[in-house]
């Protein structure tokens, strides 16, 4: 089964798919359009949505992922709000959310299983030209930073301010919620 939809957002044509069972030996998963308002100040980048997020078609949908609880603590977001309302509220606060990868083959949700040969990065040169108000890029974990530096940064005319934050993934259990929240508070310096 293949589910693909086309989405057009601020000049971006982005294919969204959760799982492709095409006859290919290595089916690709596709990321989502960015969550972005008209004048974002920061961009939070993950690597690629996990299985729960792809199935729900929502960023950070896994119930144990700390992303939305951290955003709730930082920006007074009510976790009972709908996904669309939370995204809009975050965008209104100047926070954009996207993934470094547009597509890749990854069995399961762990970044370590991303097939390097299948990596296709999102078009950040166009994104930064459409949203020049972005002052800082924050990576949600090490894989997003690694892929950005390898596949995106060499193609950018200038390097944005970049900071790696601890992953909000439940697989990153070396820090507890409060330790992750403390690290993520740096975003508030921009918003």
N, C-alpha and C. Protein backbone atom coordinates (compact mmCIF):
# COMPACT_ATOMS: atom_id res chain seq x y z
N UNK A 1 0.84 -1.18 0.00
CA UNK A 1 0.00 0.00 0.00
C UNK A 1 0.88 1.23 0.00
N UNK A 2 0.53 2.21 -0.81
CA UNK A 2 1.25 3.47 -0.84
C UNK A 2 0.24 4.58 -0.62
N UNK A 3 0.58 5.50 0.29
CA UNK A 3 -0.26 6.66 0.47
C UNK A 3 0.61 7.89 0.26
N UNK A 4 0.33 8.63 -0.79
CA UNK A 4 1.11 9.82 -1.09
C UNK A 4 0.12 10.95 -1.34
N UNK A 5 0.39 12.09 -0.73
CA UNK A 5 -0.42 13.27 -0.98
C UNK A 5 0.52 14.40 -1.35
N UNK A 6 0.04 15.32 -2.15
CA UNK A 6 0.84 16.48 -2.52
C UNK A 6 0.40 17.66 -1.69
N UNK A 7 1.36 18.40 -1.20
CA UNK A 7 1.09 19.58 -0.40
C UNK A 7 1.90 20.73 -0.94
N UNK A 8 1.30 21.91 -1.01
CA UNK A 8 2.01 23.10 -1.48
C UNK A 8 2.03 24.09 -0.33
N UNK A 9 3.23 24.44 0.15
CA UNK A 9 3.37 25.36 1.27
C UNK A 9 4.44 26.38 0.94
N UNK A 10 4.07 27.64 0.84
CA UNK A 10 5.00 28.75 0.63
C UNK A 10 6.03 28.44 -0.45
N UNK A 11 5.57 27.96 -1.58
CA UNK A 11 6.47 27.70 -2.68
C UNK A 11 7.13 26.33 -2.65
N UNK A 12 6.78 25.50 -1.69
CA UNK A 12 7.37 24.18 -1.57
C UNK A 12 6.37 23.13 -2.03
N UNK A 13 6.76 22.29 -2.94
CA UNK A 13 5.95 21.14 -3.30
C UNK A 13 6.55 19.96 -2.55
N UNK A 14 5.82 19.44 -1.61
CA UNK A 14 6.36 18.41 -0.74
C UNK A 14 5.46 17.20 -0.79
N UNK A 15 6.05 16.03 -1.06
CA UNK A 15 5.30 14.79 -1.04
C UNK A 15 5.33 14.25 0.38
N UNK A 16 4.19 13.78 0.81
CA UNK A 16 4.09 13.21 2.14
C UNK A 16 3.61 11.78 2.01
N UNK A 17 4.31 10.89 2.65
CA UNK A 17 3.93 9.49 2.61
C UNK A 17 4.28 8.87 3.93
N UNK A 18 3.51 7.87 4.37
CA UNK A 18 3.96 7.24 5.60
C UNK A 18 4.71 5.96 5.35
N UNK A 19 4.28 5.09 4.51
CA UNK A 19 5.05 3.89 4.20
C UNK A 19 4.71 3.49 2.77
N UNK A 20 5.72 3.13 2.04
CA UNK A 20 5.50 2.72 0.66
C UNK A 20 5.87 1.25 0.52
N UNK A 21 4.96 0.43 0.05
CA UNK A 21 5.22 -0.99 -0.18
C UNK A 21 5.37 -1.26 -1.67
N UNK A 22 5.93 -0.33 -2.39
CA UNK A 22 6.12 -0.51 -3.82
C UNK A 22 7.10 -1.66 -4.03
N UNK A 23 7.26 -2.07 -5.24
CA UNK A 23 8.09 -3.23 -5.51
C UNK A 23 9.57 -2.97 -5.27
N UNK A 24 9.95 -1.76 -4.93
CA UNK A 24 11.34 -1.42 -4.64
C UNK A 24 11.85 -2.22 -3.45
N UNK A 25 13.12 -2.58 -3.51
CA UNK A 25 13.72 -3.34 -2.41
C UNK A 25 13.83 -2.48 -1.16
N UNK A 26 13.95 -1.17 -1.35
CA UNK A 26 14.09 -0.27 -0.21
C UNK A 26 13.08 0.87 -0.33
N UNK A 27 11.87 0.68 0.17
CA UNK A 27 10.86 1.73 0.07
C UNK A 27 11.26 2.96 0.88
N UNK A 28 10.91 4.12 0.36
CA UNK A 28 11.24 5.37 1.02
C UNK A 28 10.08 5.87 1.87
N UNK A 29 10.41 6.52 2.95
CA UNK A 29 9.44 7.28 3.73
C UNK A 29 9.70 8.75 3.44
N UNK A 30 8.64 9.54 3.43
CA UNK A 30 8.74 10.97 3.13
C UNK A 30 8.32 11.79 4.33
N UNK A 31 9.01 12.89 4.52
CA UNK A 31 8.74 13.80 5.63
C UNK A 31 7.51 14.66 5.35
N UNK A 32 7.28 15.61 6.24
CA UNK A 32 6.12 16.50 6.17
C UNK A 32 6.53 17.90 5.72
N UNK A 33 5.55 18.70 5.33
CA UNK A 33 5.84 20.13 5.09
C UNK A 33 6.27 20.77 6.41
N UNK A 34 6.98 21.88 6.33
CA UNK A 34 7.38 22.55 7.57
C UNK A 34 6.18 23.16 8.29
N UNK A 35 6.30 23.23 9.60
CA UNK A 35 5.39 24.04 10.42
C UNK A 35 6.08 25.39 10.49
N UNK A 36 5.50 26.40 9.89
CA UNK A 36 6.18 27.70 9.82
C UNK A 36 5.16 28.82 9.66
N UNK A 37 5.42 29.91 10.36
CA UNK A 37 4.61 31.11 10.23
C UNK A 37 5.24 32.07 9.23
N UNK A 38 4.79 33.30 9.23
CA UNK A 38 5.28 34.25 8.24
C UNK A 38 6.67 34.80 8.57
N UNK A 39 7.03 34.88 9.85
CA UNK A 39 8.33 35.44 10.23
C UNK A 39 8.98 34.61 11.34
N UNK A 40 9.41 33.40 11.00
CA UNK A 40 10.02 32.55 12.04
C UNK A 40 11.37 33.11 12.48
N UNK A 41 11.67 32.89 13.76
CA UNK A 41 12.96 33.32 14.30
C UNK A 41 13.90 32.14 14.51
N UNK A 42 13.32 30.99 14.82
CA UNK A 42 14.13 29.78 15.01
C UNK A 42 13.55 28.64 14.19
N UNK A 43 14.44 27.74 13.84
CA UNK A 43 14.04 26.53 13.11
C UNK A 43 14.52 25.34 13.91
N UNK A 44 13.59 24.47 14.30
CA UNK A 44 13.93 23.23 15.00
C UNK A 44 13.90 22.12 13.96
N UNK A 45 15.01 21.40 13.87
CA UNK A 45 15.13 20.35 12.86
C UNK A 45 15.30 18.98 13.49
N UNK A 46 14.41 18.07 13.11
CA UNK A 46 14.60 16.66 13.41
C UNK A 46 15.26 16.02 12.21
N UNK A 47 15.46 14.72 12.29
CA UNK A 47 16.06 14.01 11.15
C UNK A 47 14.97 13.58 10.18
N UNK A 48 14.07 12.72 10.65
CA UNK A 48 12.99 12.15 9.84
C UNK A 48 11.92 11.68 10.81
N UNK A 49 10.63 11.88 10.51
CA UNK A 49 9.59 11.40 11.42
C UNK A 49 9.67 9.89 11.64
N UNK A 50 9.41 9.47 12.87
CA UNK A 50 9.36 8.05 13.19
C UNK A 50 8.04 7.44 12.73
N UNK A 51 7.91 6.16 12.96
CA UNK A 51 6.74 5.41 12.49
C UNK A 51 5.44 5.99 13.06
N UNK A 52 5.40 6.28 14.37
CA UNK A 52 4.17 6.82 14.97
C UNK A 52 3.80 8.16 14.34
N UNK A 53 4.79 9.00 14.08
CA UNK A 53 4.53 10.30 13.46
C UNK A 53 4.07 10.13 12.02
N UNK A 54 4.71 9.24 11.28
CA UNK A 54 4.30 9.01 9.90
C UNK A 54 2.87 8.49 9.82
N UNK A 55 2.52 7.58 10.72
CA UNK A 55 1.15 7.05 10.72
C UNK A 55 0.13 8.11 11.09
N UNK A 56 0.48 8.98 12.06
CA UNK A 56 -0.44 10.03 12.50
C UNK A 56 -0.37 11.27 11.61
N UNK A 57 0.67 11.34 10.75
CA UNK A 57 0.91 12.53 9.93
C UNK A 57 1.05 13.77 10.80
N UNK A 58 1.84 13.62 11.88
CA UNK A 58 2.09 14.71 12.83
C UNK A 58 3.53 14.64 13.30
N UNK A 59 4.15 15.79 13.43
CA UNK A 59 5.48 15.83 14.03
C UNK A 59 5.41 15.37 15.48
N UNK A 60 6.37 14.54 15.87
CA UNK A 60 6.56 14.11 17.25
C UNK A 60 5.29 13.51 17.88
N UNK A 61 4.69 12.56 17.17
CA UNK A 61 3.43 11.96 17.61
C UNK A 61 3.60 10.82 18.61
N UNK A 62 4.80 10.28 18.75
CA UNK A 62 4.99 9.18 19.71
C UNK A 62 4.63 9.70 21.10
N UNK A 63 3.79 8.98 21.84
CA UNK A 63 3.31 9.48 23.14
C UNK A 63 4.43 9.71 24.17
N UNK A 64 5.57 9.07 24.00
CA UNK A 64 6.66 9.27 24.97
C UNK A 64 7.72 10.25 24.47
N UNK A 65 7.53 10.82 23.28
CA UNK A 65 8.47 11.83 22.80
C UNK A 65 8.26 13.10 23.62
N UNK A 66 9.34 13.72 24.07
CA UNK A 66 9.26 14.88 24.96
C UNK A 66 9.10 16.21 24.21
N UNK A 67 9.06 16.19 22.88
CA UNK A 67 9.00 17.45 22.14
C UNK A 67 7.81 18.32 22.55
N UNK A 68 6.61 17.80 22.47
CA UNK A 68 5.44 18.64 22.78
C UNK A 68 5.37 19.01 24.25
N UNK A 69 5.71 18.13 25.19
CA UNK A 69 5.76 18.58 26.58
C UNK A 69 6.81 19.69 26.81
N UNK A 70 7.94 19.62 26.11
CA UNK A 70 8.94 20.68 26.24
C UNK A 70 8.41 21.98 25.65
N UNK A 71 7.78 21.91 24.48
CA UNK A 71 7.19 23.11 23.87
C UNK A 71 6.10 23.68 24.77
N UNK A 72 5.34 22.81 25.41
CA UNK A 72 4.29 23.25 26.33
C UNK A 72 4.89 24.03 27.50
N UNK A 73 5.98 23.52 28.04
CA UNK A 73 6.63 24.19 29.16
C UNK A 73 7.26 25.52 28.75
N UNK A 74 7.82 25.57 27.57
CA UNK A 74 8.49 26.79 27.11
C UNK A 74 7.53 27.87 26.64
N UNK A 75 6.44 27.47 25.99
CA UNK A 75 5.57 28.44 25.32
C UNK A 75 4.13 28.41 25.81
N UNK A 76 3.89 27.76 26.95
CA UNK A 76 2.55 27.71 27.54
C UNK A 76 1.52 27.13 26.56
N UNK A 77 1.91 26.06 25.91
CA UNK A 77 1.01 25.34 25.01
C UNK A 77 0.24 24.32 25.82
N UNK A 78 -1.05 24.25 25.59
CA UNK A 78 -1.88 23.26 26.26
C UNK A 78 -1.81 21.96 25.46
N UNK A 79 -1.35 20.92 26.10
CA UNK A 79 -1.20 19.63 25.39
C UNK A 79 -2.54 19.02 24.98
N UNK A 80 -3.64 19.54 25.51
CA UNK A 80 -4.96 19.06 25.10
C UNK A 80 -5.44 19.73 23.81
N UNK A 81 -4.75 20.78 23.38
CA UNK A 81 -5.11 21.43 22.12
C UNK A 81 -4.91 20.45 20.97
N UNK A 82 -5.62 20.66 19.90
CA UNK A 82 -5.44 19.83 18.71
C UNK A 82 -4.03 20.02 18.17
N UNK A 83 -3.58 19.07 17.40
CA UNK A 83 -2.26 19.16 16.77
C UNK A 83 -2.15 20.44 15.94
N UNK A 84 -3.17 20.75 15.15
CA UNK A 84 -3.15 21.94 14.30
C UNK A 84 -3.04 23.21 15.13
N UNK A 85 -3.75 23.26 16.26
CA UNK A 85 -3.71 24.43 17.12
C UNK A 85 -2.33 24.59 17.76
N UNK A 86 -1.75 23.48 18.21
CA UNK A 86 -0.40 23.54 18.79
C UNK A 86 0.61 24.03 17.76
N UNK A 87 0.51 23.51 16.53
CA UNK A 87 1.43 23.94 15.47
C UNK A 87 1.26 25.42 15.16
N UNK A 88 0.03 25.87 15.05
CA UNK A 88 -0.22 27.29 14.75
C UNK A 88 0.31 28.18 15.87
N UNK A 89 0.09 27.77 17.11
CA UNK A 89 0.56 28.56 18.27
C UNK A 89 2.08 28.65 18.25
N UNK A 90 2.74 27.54 17.97
CA UNK A 90 4.20 27.52 17.90
C UNK A 90 4.69 28.43 16.77
N UNK A 91 4.06 28.34 15.61
CA UNK A 91 4.43 29.19 14.48
C UNK A 91 4.22 30.66 14.81
N UNK A 92 3.14 30.97 15.51
CA UNK A 92 2.87 32.35 15.91
C UNK A 92 3.93 32.88 16.88
N UNK A 93 4.57 31.99 17.60
CA UNK A 93 5.63 32.37 18.54
C UNK A 93 6.99 32.53 17.84
N UNK A 94 7.03 32.26 16.54
CA UNK A 94 8.27 32.41 15.78
C UNK A 94 9.10 31.15 15.68
N UNK A 95 8.49 30.01 15.99
CA UNK A 95 9.19 28.74 15.95
C UNK A 95 8.74 27.95 14.73
N UNK A 96 9.69 27.56 13.89
CA UNK A 96 9.42 26.69 12.75
C UNK A 96 9.94 25.29 13.07
N UNK A 97 9.25 24.28 12.56
CA UNK A 97 9.63 22.89 12.79
C UNK A 97 9.69 22.20 11.44
N UNK A 98 10.76 21.47 11.21
CA UNK A 98 10.90 20.73 9.96
C UNK A 98 11.86 19.58 10.20
N UNK A 99 12.12 18.81 9.18
CA UNK A 99 13.11 17.74 9.24
C UNK A 99 14.17 17.99 8.20
N UNK A 100 15.39 17.55 8.49
CA UNK A 100 16.47 17.69 7.53
C UNK A 100 16.19 16.84 6.30
N UNK A 101 15.66 15.66 6.52
CA UNK A 101 15.44 14.74 5.41
C UNK A 101 14.06 14.91 4.78
N UNK A 102 14.07 14.93 3.46
CA UNK A 102 12.83 14.91 2.70
C UNK A 102 12.38 13.47 2.53
N UNK A 103 13.35 12.57 2.31
CA UNK A 103 13.04 11.16 2.10
C UNK A 103 14.24 10.32 2.50
N UNK A 104 13.94 9.09 2.90
CA UNK A 104 14.99 8.11 3.19
C UNK A 104 14.35 6.74 3.38
N UNK A 105 15.20 5.74 3.36
CA UNK A 105 14.76 4.40 3.73
C UNK A 105 15.23 4.16 5.16
N UNK A 106 14.28 3.87 6.03
CA UNK A 106 14.60 3.58 7.42
C UNK A 106 13.59 2.58 7.96
N UNK A 107 14.01 1.34 8.15
CA UNK A 107 13.09 0.40 8.79
C UNK A 107 12.95 0.78 10.27
N UNK A 108 11.73 1.00 10.72
CA UNK A 108 11.51 1.39 12.11
C UNK A 108 11.69 2.88 12.31
N UNK A 109 11.98 3.27 13.55
CA UNK A 109 12.04 4.69 13.89
C UNK A 109 13.42 5.17 14.31
N UNK A 110 14.37 4.28 14.49
CA UNK A 110 15.68 4.68 14.99
C UNK A 110 16.54 5.30 13.90
N UNK A 111 17.13 6.44 14.20
CA UNK A 111 17.98 7.13 13.23
C UNK A 111 19.16 6.28 12.78
N UNK A 112 19.63 5.42 13.63
CA UNK A 112 20.79 4.58 13.28
C UNK A 112 20.46 3.63 12.12
N UNK A 113 19.18 3.44 11.83
CA UNK A 113 18.79 2.55 10.75
C UNK A 113 18.53 3.26 9.42
N UNK A 114 18.79 4.58 9.37
CA UNK A 114 18.63 5.30 8.11
C UNK A 114 19.71 4.82 7.14
N UNK A 115 19.27 4.42 5.96
CA UNK A 115 20.21 3.98 4.92
C UNK A 115 20.85 5.22 4.30
N UNK A 116 22.16 5.43 4.52
CA UNK A 116 22.82 6.64 4.00
C UNK A 116 22.68 6.81 2.48
N UNK A 117 22.62 5.73 1.76
CA UNK A 117 22.50 5.82 0.30
C UNK A 117 21.13 6.32 -0.15
N UNK A 118 20.15 6.29 0.74
CA UNK A 118 18.79 6.69 0.38
C UNK A 118 18.45 8.13 0.77
N UNK A 119 19.37 8.81 1.40
CA UNK A 119 19.11 10.14 1.95
C UNK A 119 18.85 11.17 0.86
N UNK A 120 17.73 11.89 1.03
CA UNK A 120 17.42 13.05 0.20
C UNK A 120 17.03 14.18 1.14
N UNK A 121 17.82 15.25 1.14
CA UNK A 121 17.59 16.37 2.06
C UNK A 121 16.52 17.31 1.52
N UNK A 122 15.86 18.00 2.43
CA UNK A 122 14.93 19.05 2.04
C UNK A 122 15.70 20.22 1.43
N UNK A 123 15.01 21.10 0.74
CA UNK A 123 15.63 22.23 0.04
C UNK A 123 15.74 23.43 1.00
N UNK A 124 16.85 23.47 1.72
CA UNK A 124 17.05 24.54 2.70
C UNK A 124 17.51 25.84 2.06
N UNK A 125 18.14 25.78 0.94
CA UNK A 125 18.53 27.02 0.27
C UNK A 125 17.28 27.84 -0.06
N UNK A 126 16.26 27.16 -0.59
CA UNK A 126 15.00 27.84 -0.89
C UNK A 126 14.29 28.25 0.40
N UNK A 127 14.28 27.35 1.39
CA UNK A 127 13.60 27.64 2.65
C UNK A 127 14.16 28.91 3.31
N UNK A 128 15.49 29.00 3.41
CA UNK A 128 16.10 30.16 4.04
C UNK A 128 15.91 31.44 3.21
N UNK A 129 15.79 31.30 1.90
CA UNK A 129 15.53 32.49 1.08
C UNK A 129 14.08 32.97 1.26
N UNK A 130 13.16 32.04 1.48
CA UNK A 130 11.75 32.41 1.71
C UNK A 130 11.56 32.95 3.14
N UNK A 131 12.36 32.45 4.08
CA UNK A 131 12.24 32.84 5.49
C UNK A 131 13.56 33.40 6.01
N UNK A 132 13.94 34.60 5.57
CA UNK A 132 15.23 35.18 5.98
C UNK A 132 15.25 35.66 7.43
N UNK A 133 14.11 35.61 8.11
CA UNK A 133 14.04 36.07 9.50
C UNK A 133 14.58 35.04 10.49
N UNK A 134 14.90 33.84 10.03
CA UNK A 134 15.41 32.79 10.93
C UNK A 134 16.80 33.20 11.42
N UNK A 135 16.93 33.26 12.74
CA UNK A 135 18.18 33.67 13.36
C UNK A 135 19.01 32.48 13.84
N UNK A 136 18.35 31.38 14.13
CA UNK A 136 19.07 30.23 14.70
C UNK A 136 18.40 28.93 14.31
N UNK A 137 19.24 27.91 14.13
CA UNK A 137 18.77 26.56 13.84
C UNK A 137 19.13 25.69 15.03
N UNK A 138 18.14 24.94 15.52
CA UNK A 138 18.35 24.02 16.64
C UNK A 138 18.07 22.60 16.16
N UNK A 139 19.02 21.73 16.41
CA UNK A 139 18.89 20.33 16.00
C UNK A 139 18.34 19.51 17.15
N UNK A 140 17.28 18.76 16.87
CA UNK A 140 16.70 17.86 17.85
C UNK A 140 17.49 16.55 17.79
N UNK A 141 18.64 16.54 18.41
CA UNK A 141 19.49 15.36 18.44
C UNK A 141 20.64 15.43 17.46
N UNK A 142 21.53 14.46 17.58
CA UNK A 142 22.75 14.45 16.80
C UNK A 142 22.61 14.07 15.35
N UNK A 143 21.69 13.17 15.02
CA UNK A 143 21.55 12.72 13.63
C UNK A 143 21.11 13.85 12.72
N UNK A 144 20.19 14.67 13.18
CA UNK A 144 19.74 15.79 12.35
C UNK A 144 20.90 16.76 12.08
N UNK A 145 21.73 17.01 13.09
CA UNK A 145 22.89 17.87 12.90
C UNK A 145 23.88 17.25 11.92
N UNK A 146 24.15 15.97 12.09
CA UNK A 146 25.11 15.27 11.23
C UNK A 146 24.66 15.31 9.76
N UNK A 147 23.40 15.00 9.52
CA UNK A 147 22.89 14.97 8.15
C UNK A 147 22.86 16.38 7.56
N UNK A 148 22.49 17.37 8.36
CA UNK A 148 22.47 18.77 7.89
C UNK A 148 23.87 19.21 7.49
N UNK A 149 24.84 18.93 8.34
CA UNK A 149 26.22 19.36 8.05
C UNK A 149 26.78 18.66 6.82
N UNK A 150 26.39 17.43 6.60
CA UNK A 150 26.93 16.67 5.46
C UNK A 150 26.18 16.96 4.17
N UNK A 151 24.86 17.05 4.21
CA UNK A 151 24.06 17.12 2.98
C UNK A 151 23.46 18.48 2.68
N UNK A 152 23.43 19.39 3.65
CA UNK A 152 22.79 20.68 3.44
C UNK A 152 23.79 21.83 3.50
N UNK A 153 24.57 21.89 4.54
CA UNK A 153 25.46 23.02 4.78
C UNK A 153 26.38 23.34 3.60
N UNK A 154 26.95 22.35 2.92
CA UNK A 154 27.83 22.68 1.79
C UNK A 154 27.12 23.43 0.65
N UNK A 155 25.78 23.35 0.60
CA UNK A 155 25.03 23.99 -0.48
C UNK A 155 24.45 25.34 -0.09
N UNK A 156 24.66 25.77 1.15
CA UNK A 156 24.10 27.05 1.60
C UNK A 156 25.09 28.18 1.34
N UNK A 157 24.59 29.35 0.94
CA UNK A 157 25.49 30.47 0.69
C UNK A 157 26.16 30.98 1.98
N UNK A 158 25.48 30.84 3.10
CA UNK A 158 26.08 31.20 4.39
C UNK A 158 25.56 30.25 5.46
N UNK A 159 26.35 30.09 6.49
CA UNK A 159 26.01 29.15 7.55
C UNK A 159 25.16 29.84 8.61
N UNK A 160 24.00 29.26 8.95
CA UNK A 160 23.20 29.84 10.02
C UNK A 160 23.82 29.52 11.39
N UNK A 161 23.39 30.23 12.41
CA UNK A 161 23.77 29.88 13.78
C UNK A 161 23.13 28.53 14.09
N UNK A 162 23.93 27.58 14.58
CA UNK A 162 23.43 26.22 14.78
C UNK A 162 23.78 25.71 16.18
N UNK A 163 22.81 25.03 16.81
CA UNK A 163 23.00 24.46 18.13
C UNK A 163 22.34 23.08 18.17
N UNK A 164 23.09 22.10 18.64
CA UNK A 164 22.51 20.77 18.84
C UNK A 164 21.94 20.68 20.25
N UNK A 165 20.69 20.23 20.32
CA UNK A 165 20.02 20.02 21.60
C UNK A 165 19.83 18.53 21.82
N UNK A 166 19.63 18.11 23.07
CA UNK A 166 19.40 16.68 23.30
C UNK A 166 18.12 16.23 22.61
N UNK A 167 18.16 15.04 22.06
CA UNK A 167 17.00 14.49 21.37
C UNK A 167 15.83 14.35 22.33
N UNK A 168 14.65 14.66 21.82
CA UNK A 168 13.42 14.49 22.60
C UNK A 168 12.87 13.07 22.47
N UNK A 169 13.51 12.27 21.67
CA UNK A 169 13.07 10.89 21.44
C UNK A 169 13.11 10.07 22.72
N UNK A 170 12.14 9.17 22.89
CA UNK A 170 12.19 8.27 24.06
C UNK A 170 13.40 7.33 24.00
N UNK A 171 13.98 7.17 22.81
CA UNK A 171 15.18 6.32 22.69
C UNK A 171 16.40 6.98 23.31
N UNK A 172 16.36 8.30 23.48
CA UNK A 172 17.47 9.04 24.11
C UNK A 172 17.15 9.17 25.60
N UNK A 173 17.48 8.14 26.34
CA UNK A 173 17.08 8.07 27.75
C UNK A 173 18.20 8.45 28.72
N UNK A 174 19.33 8.93 28.22
CA UNK A 174 20.43 9.28 29.13
C UNK A 174 20.13 10.55 29.92
N UNK A 175 19.18 11.35 29.46
CA UNK A 175 18.75 12.55 30.19
C UNK A 175 17.28 12.41 30.54
N UNK A 176 16.91 12.90 31.72
CA UNK A 176 15.50 12.89 32.08
C UNK A 176 14.81 14.13 31.49
N UNK A 177 13.51 14.23 31.67
CA UNK A 177 12.74 15.32 31.08
C UNK A 177 13.26 16.68 31.52
N UNK A 178 13.51 16.87 32.81
CA UNK A 178 13.95 18.18 33.31
C UNK A 178 15.31 18.57 32.75
N UNK A 179 16.20 17.61 32.56
CA UNK A 179 17.50 17.91 31.97
C UNK A 179 17.34 18.32 30.51
N UNK A 180 16.47 17.63 29.80
CA UNK A 180 16.21 18.01 28.40
C UNK A 180 15.58 19.40 28.35
N UNK A 181 14.60 19.65 29.20
CA UNK A 181 13.93 20.95 29.23
C UNK A 181 14.94 22.07 29.51
N UNK A 182 15.83 21.88 30.46
CA UNK A 182 16.84 22.89 30.76
C UNK A 182 17.68 23.22 29.53
N UNK A 183 18.07 22.22 28.79
CA UNK A 183 18.88 22.44 27.58
C UNK A 183 18.08 23.18 26.51
N UNK A 184 16.80 22.84 26.38
CA UNK A 184 15.96 23.43 25.34
C UNK A 184 15.55 24.87 25.65
N UNK A 185 15.76 25.33 26.86
CA UNK A 185 15.37 26.71 27.22
C UNK A 185 16.11 27.76 26.41
N UNK A 186 17.22 27.41 25.79
CA UNK A 186 17.99 28.34 24.97
C UNK A 186 17.15 28.92 23.83
N UNK A 187 16.16 28.19 23.38
CA UNK A 187 15.29 28.66 22.30
C UNK A 187 14.59 29.95 22.69
N UNK A 188 14.27 30.08 23.96
CA UNK A 188 13.54 31.26 24.44
C UNK A 188 14.35 32.56 24.29
N UNK A 189 15.65 32.46 24.10
CA UNK A 189 16.47 33.65 23.88
C UNK A 189 16.11 34.33 22.56
N UNK A 190 15.47 33.60 21.65
CA UNK A 190 15.13 34.11 20.34
C UNK A 190 13.65 34.42 20.16
N UNK A 191 12.82 33.86 21.01
CA UNK A 191 11.36 34.01 20.83
C UNK A 191 10.71 34.70 22.02
